[in-house]
N, C-alpha and C. Protein backbone atom coordinates (compact mmCIF):
# COMPACT_ATOMS: atom_id res chain seq x y z
N UNK A 1 0.82 -1.18 0.00
CA UNK A 1 0.00 0.00 0.00
C UNK A 1 0.87 1.26 0.00
N UNK A 2 1.92 1.26 0.83
CA UNK A 2 2.81 2.41 0.88
C UNK A 2 3.52 2.59 -0.46
N UNK A 3 3.86 1.48 -1.06
CA UNK A 3 4.55 1.54 -2.36
C UNK A 3 3.63 2.13 -3.43
N UNK A 4 2.36 1.77 -3.43
CA UNK A 4 1.40 2.29 -4.40
C UNK A 4 1.23 3.80 -4.22
N UNK A 5 1.13 4.24 -2.96
CA UNK A 5 1.00 5.67 -2.70
C UNK A 5 2.25 6.42 -3.18
N UNK A 6 3.41 5.83 -2.92
CA UNK A 6 4.66 6.45 -3.34
C UNK A 6 4.72 6.57 -4.86
N UNK A 7 4.32 5.50 -5.56
CA UNK A 7 4.33 5.53 -7.03
C UNK A 7 3.33 6.56 -7.57
N UNK A 8 2.15 6.63 -6.94
CA UNK A 8 1.16 7.62 -7.37
C UNK A 8 1.67 9.04 -7.14
N UNK A 9 2.26 9.24 -5.97
CA UNK A 9 2.79 10.56 -5.65
C UNK A 9 3.93 10.93 -6.60
N UNK A 10 4.80 9.98 -6.90
CA UNK A 10 5.90 10.23 -7.82
C UNK A 10 5.38 10.55 -9.21
N UNK A 11 4.37 9.82 -9.66
CA UNK A 11 3.80 10.07 -10.98
C UNK A 11 3.17 11.46 -11.03
N UNK A 12 2.51 11.87 -9.95
CA UNK A 12 1.89 13.19 -9.92
C UNK A 12 2.95 14.29 -9.94
N UNK A 13 4.05 14.11 -9.23
CA UNK A 13 5.12 15.10 -9.22
C UNK A 13 5.73 15.23 -10.60
N UNK A 14 5.96 14.10 -11.25
CA UNK A 14 6.51 14.12 -12.61
C UNK A 14 5.54 14.80 -13.56
N UNK A 15 4.24 14.50 -13.44
CA UNK A 15 3.24 15.09 -14.33
C UNK A 15 3.15 16.60 -14.13
N UNK A 16 3.14 17.05 -12.88
CA UNK A 16 3.05 18.48 -12.60
C UNK A 16 4.30 19.20 -13.11
N UNK A 17 5.45 18.59 -12.93
CA UNK A 17 6.69 19.18 -13.41
C UNK A 17 6.69 19.29 -14.93
N UNK A 18 6.22 18.24 -15.59
CA UNK A 18 6.19 18.25 -17.06
C UNK A 18 5.23 19.31 -17.57
N UNK A 19 4.07 19.44 -16.95
CA UNK A 19 3.08 20.42 -17.40
C UNK A 19 3.58 21.84 -17.14
N UNK A 20 4.21 22.06 -16.00
CA UNK A 20 4.70 23.40 -15.70
C UNK A 20 5.85 23.80 -16.61
N UNK A 21 6.61 22.82 -17.09
CA UNK A 21 7.72 23.12 -18.00
C UNK A 21 7.22 23.45 -19.40
N UNK A 22 6.00 23.07 -19.73
CA UNK A 22 5.46 23.28 -21.08
C UNK A 22 4.67 24.57 -21.21
N UNK A 23 4.64 25.39 -20.19
CA UNK A 23 3.87 26.63 -20.30
C UNK A 23 4.51 27.54 -21.34
N UNK A 24 3.67 28.26 -22.03
CA UNK A 24 4.15 29.15 -23.08
C UNK A 24 4.51 30.49 -22.46
N UNK A 25 5.74 30.89 -22.60
CA UNK A 25 6.18 32.18 -22.09
C UNK A 25 6.89 32.92 -23.20
N UNK A 26 6.34 34.03 -23.59
CA UNK A 26 6.93 34.87 -24.63
C UNK A 26 7.65 36.03 -23.95
N UNK A 27 8.98 36.10 -24.08
CA UNK A 27 9.70 37.19 -23.41
C UNK A 27 9.36 38.56 -23.99
N UNK A 28 8.79 38.60 -25.19
CA UNK A 28 8.43 39.87 -25.83
C UNK A 28 6.93 40.15 -25.71
N UNK A 29 6.29 39.52 -24.74
CA UNK A 29 4.86 39.70 -24.56
C UNK A 29 4.55 41.15 -24.18
N UNK A 30 3.72 41.81 -24.97
CA UNK A 30 3.32 43.17 -24.67
C UNK A 30 4.18 44.25 -25.29
N UNK A 31 5.22 43.89 -26.02
CA UNK A 31 6.10 44.90 -26.61
C UNK A 31 5.36 45.70 -27.67
N UNK A 32 4.53 45.05 -28.46
CA UNK A 32 3.79 45.76 -29.51
C UNK A 32 2.83 46.78 -28.91
N UNK A 33 2.18 46.38 -27.84
CA UNK A 33 1.26 47.32 -27.18
C UNK A 33 2.03 48.51 -26.63
N UNK A 34 3.16 48.26 -26.02
CA UNK A 34 3.98 49.36 -25.49
C UNK A 34 4.44 50.29 -26.61
N UNK A 35 4.83 49.72 -27.76
CA UNK A 35 5.25 50.56 -28.90
C UNK A 35 4.09 51.43 -29.39
N UNK A 36 2.89 50.86 -29.47
CA UNK A 36 1.74 51.65 -29.91
C UNK A 36 1.43 52.76 -28.93
N UNK A 37 1.55 52.49 -27.65
CA UNK A 37 1.29 53.52 -26.65
C UNK A 37 2.30 54.66 -26.79
N UNK A 38 3.57 54.32 -27.01
CA UNK A 38 4.60 55.34 -27.17
C UNK A 38 4.32 56.18 -28.41
N UNK A 39 3.96 55.54 -29.53
CA UNK A 39 3.70 56.28 -30.76
C UNK A 39 2.48 57.19 -30.60
N UNK A 40 1.46 56.73 -29.92
CA UNK A 40 0.28 57.57 -29.73
C UNK A 40 0.55 58.71 -28.76
N UNK A 41 1.48 58.51 -27.84
CA UNK A 41 1.84 59.58 -26.92
C UNK A 41 2.57 60.69 -27.66
N UNK A 42 3.42 60.33 -28.62
CA UNK A 42 4.17 61.32 -29.39
C UNK A 42 3.21 62.15 -30.24
N UNK A 43 2.31 61.51 -30.99
CA UNK A 43 1.35 62.22 -31.84
C UNK A 43 0.04 61.45 -31.83
N UNK A 44 -0.89 61.76 -30.95
CA UNK A 44 -2.11 60.98 -30.83
C UNK A 44 -3.03 61.08 -32.05
N UNK A 45 -2.87 62.10 -32.88
CA UNK A 45 -3.74 62.26 -34.05
C UNK A 45 -2.99 62.00 -35.35
N UNK A 46 -2.01 61.16 -35.32
CA UNK A 46 -1.18 60.91 -36.51
C UNK A 46 -1.99 60.29 -37.65
N UNK A 47 -2.93 59.44 -37.38
CA UNK A 47 -3.67 58.76 -38.43
C UNK A 47 -4.90 59.49 -38.93
N UNK A 48 -5.19 60.67 -38.37
CA UNK A 48 -6.42 61.36 -38.71
C UNK A 48 -6.20 62.57 -39.60
N UNK A 49 -5.01 62.75 -40.15
CA UNK A 49 -4.71 63.93 -40.96
C UNK A 49 -5.39 63.87 -42.32
N UNK A 50 -5.41 65.00 -43.00
CA UNK A 50 -6.00 65.11 -44.33
C UNK A 50 -5.02 64.76 -45.44
N UNK A 51 -3.79 64.41 -45.07
CA UNK A 51 -2.77 64.13 -46.07
C UNK A 51 -3.10 62.85 -46.83
N UNK A 52 -2.89 62.90 -48.12
CA UNK A 52 -3.09 61.71 -48.92
C UNK A 52 -1.88 60.80 -48.86
N UNK A 53 -2.07 59.61 -49.32
CA UNK A 53 -0.97 58.67 -49.34
C UNK A 53 -0.02 59.05 -50.47
N UNK A 54 1.27 59.01 -50.22
CA UNK A 54 2.26 59.40 -51.22
C UNK A 54 2.48 58.26 -52.21
N UNK A 55 1.72 58.25 -53.29
CA UNK A 55 1.86 57.23 -54.33
C UNK A 55 1.82 57.91 -55.69
N UNK A 56 2.16 57.18 -56.72
CA UNK A 56 2.06 57.70 -58.08
C UNK A 56 0.62 57.62 -58.53
N UNK A 57 0.17 58.64 -59.23
CA UNK A 57 -1.16 58.53 -59.78
C UNK A 57 -1.12 57.64 -61.02
N UNK A 58 -2.24 57.23 -61.48
CA UNK A 58 -2.32 56.24 -62.56
C UNK A 58 -1.64 56.64 -63.85
N UNK A 59 -1.82 57.89 -64.29
CA UNK A 59 -1.23 58.33 -65.56
C UNK A 59 0.29 58.36 -65.48
N UNK A 60 0.82 58.84 -64.38
CA UNK A 60 2.27 58.92 -64.21
C UNK A 60 2.87 57.52 -64.17
N UNK A 61 2.22 56.61 -63.48
CA UNK A 61 2.72 55.24 -63.39
C UNK A 61 2.68 54.56 -64.75
N UNK A 62 1.61 54.78 -65.50
CA UNK A 62 1.50 54.19 -66.83
C UNK A 62 2.59 54.73 -67.76
N UNK A 63 2.87 56.02 -67.69
CA UNK A 63 3.91 56.63 -68.52
C UNK A 63 5.27 56.02 -68.19
N UNK A 64 5.60 55.90 -66.91
CA UNK A 64 6.88 55.31 -66.51
C UNK A 64 6.99 53.86 -66.96
N UNK A 65 5.90 53.11 -66.85
CA UNK A 65 5.91 51.71 -67.28
C UNK A 65 6.11 51.60 -68.78
N UNK A 66 5.47 52.44 -69.56
CA UNK A 66 5.64 52.41 -71.02
C UNK A 66 7.07 52.77 -71.41
N UNK A 67 7.66 53.77 -70.75
CA UNK A 67 9.05 54.13 -71.04
C UNK A 67 9.99 52.98 -70.71
N UNK A 68 9.72 52.31 -69.62
CA UNK A 68 10.56 51.18 -69.23
C UNK A 68 10.48 50.06 -70.27
N UNK A 69 9.30 49.81 -70.78
CA UNK A 69 9.13 48.73 -71.77
C UNK A 69 9.76 49.08 -73.11
N UNK A 70 9.88 50.38 -73.45
CA UNK A 70 10.45 50.79 -74.72
C UNK A 70 11.97 50.84 -74.71
N UNK A 71 12.58 50.79 -73.53
CA UNK A 71 14.04 50.90 -73.45
C UNK A 71 14.70 49.73 -74.17
N UNK A 72 15.81 50.03 -74.82
CA UNK A 72 16.59 49.01 -75.52
C UNK A 72 17.86 48.74 -74.73
N UNK A 73 18.39 47.55 -74.90
CA UNK A 73 19.65 47.22 -74.23
C UNK A 73 20.77 48.03 -74.85
N UNK A 74 21.69 48.52 -74.03
CA UNK A 74 22.76 49.36 -74.55
C UNK A 74 23.93 48.55 -75.10
N UNK A 75 24.06 47.30 -74.69
CA UNK A 75 25.16 46.46 -75.18
C UNK A 75 24.69 45.67 -76.40
N UNK A 76 25.61 45.44 -77.37
CA UNK A 76 25.23 44.64 -78.54
C UNK A 76 24.97 43.18 -78.15
N UNK A 77 24.05 42.56 -78.85
CA UNK A 77 23.64 41.19 -78.52
C UNK A 77 24.78 40.20 -78.66
N UNK A 78 25.62 40.37 -79.71
CA UNK A 78 26.73 39.42 -79.92
C UNK A 78 27.68 39.42 -78.72
N UNK A 79 27.96 40.60 -78.20
CA UNK A 79 28.87 40.68 -77.06
C UNK A 79 28.26 40.01 -75.83
N UNK A 80 26.97 40.21 -75.61
CA UNK A 80 26.32 39.57 -74.47
C UNK A 80 26.37 38.06 -74.58
N UNK A 81 26.17 37.55 -75.82
CA UNK A 81 26.22 36.09 -76.00
C UNK A 81 27.63 35.55 -75.79
N UNK A 82 28.66 36.30 -76.23
CA UNK A 82 30.03 35.86 -76.00
C UNK A 82 30.36 35.85 -74.52
N UNK A 83 29.90 36.87 -73.79
CA UNK A 83 30.16 36.93 -72.36
C UNK A 83 29.51 35.78 -71.60
N UNK A 84 28.35 35.37 -72.04
CA UNK A 84 27.63 34.27 -71.39
C UNK A 84 28.31 32.93 -71.69
N UNK A 85 28.83 32.79 -72.91
CA UNK A 85 29.40 31.50 -73.30
C UNK A 85 30.78 31.25 -72.66
N UNK A 86 31.45 32.28 -72.17
CA UNK A 86 32.78 32.10 -71.58
C UNK A 86 32.72 31.42 -70.25
């Protein structure tokens, strides 16, 4: 009887130790929240401005893309082929 209790107690100690070792602990827990708090403290209305997003408008982007597609290679084709074959 004493041996059975000892084995049960030992099994429980091992089980509790194993479960406690498997807990998920993230050392960076909460860092993102802290960063957001700091950014909002610096300028709490940063996202509410009337400024537009700095992007190319459609016509300008299309013009640049067409110019890129029309560009020709500056090196002669024969030289490029010789350089590749070496």
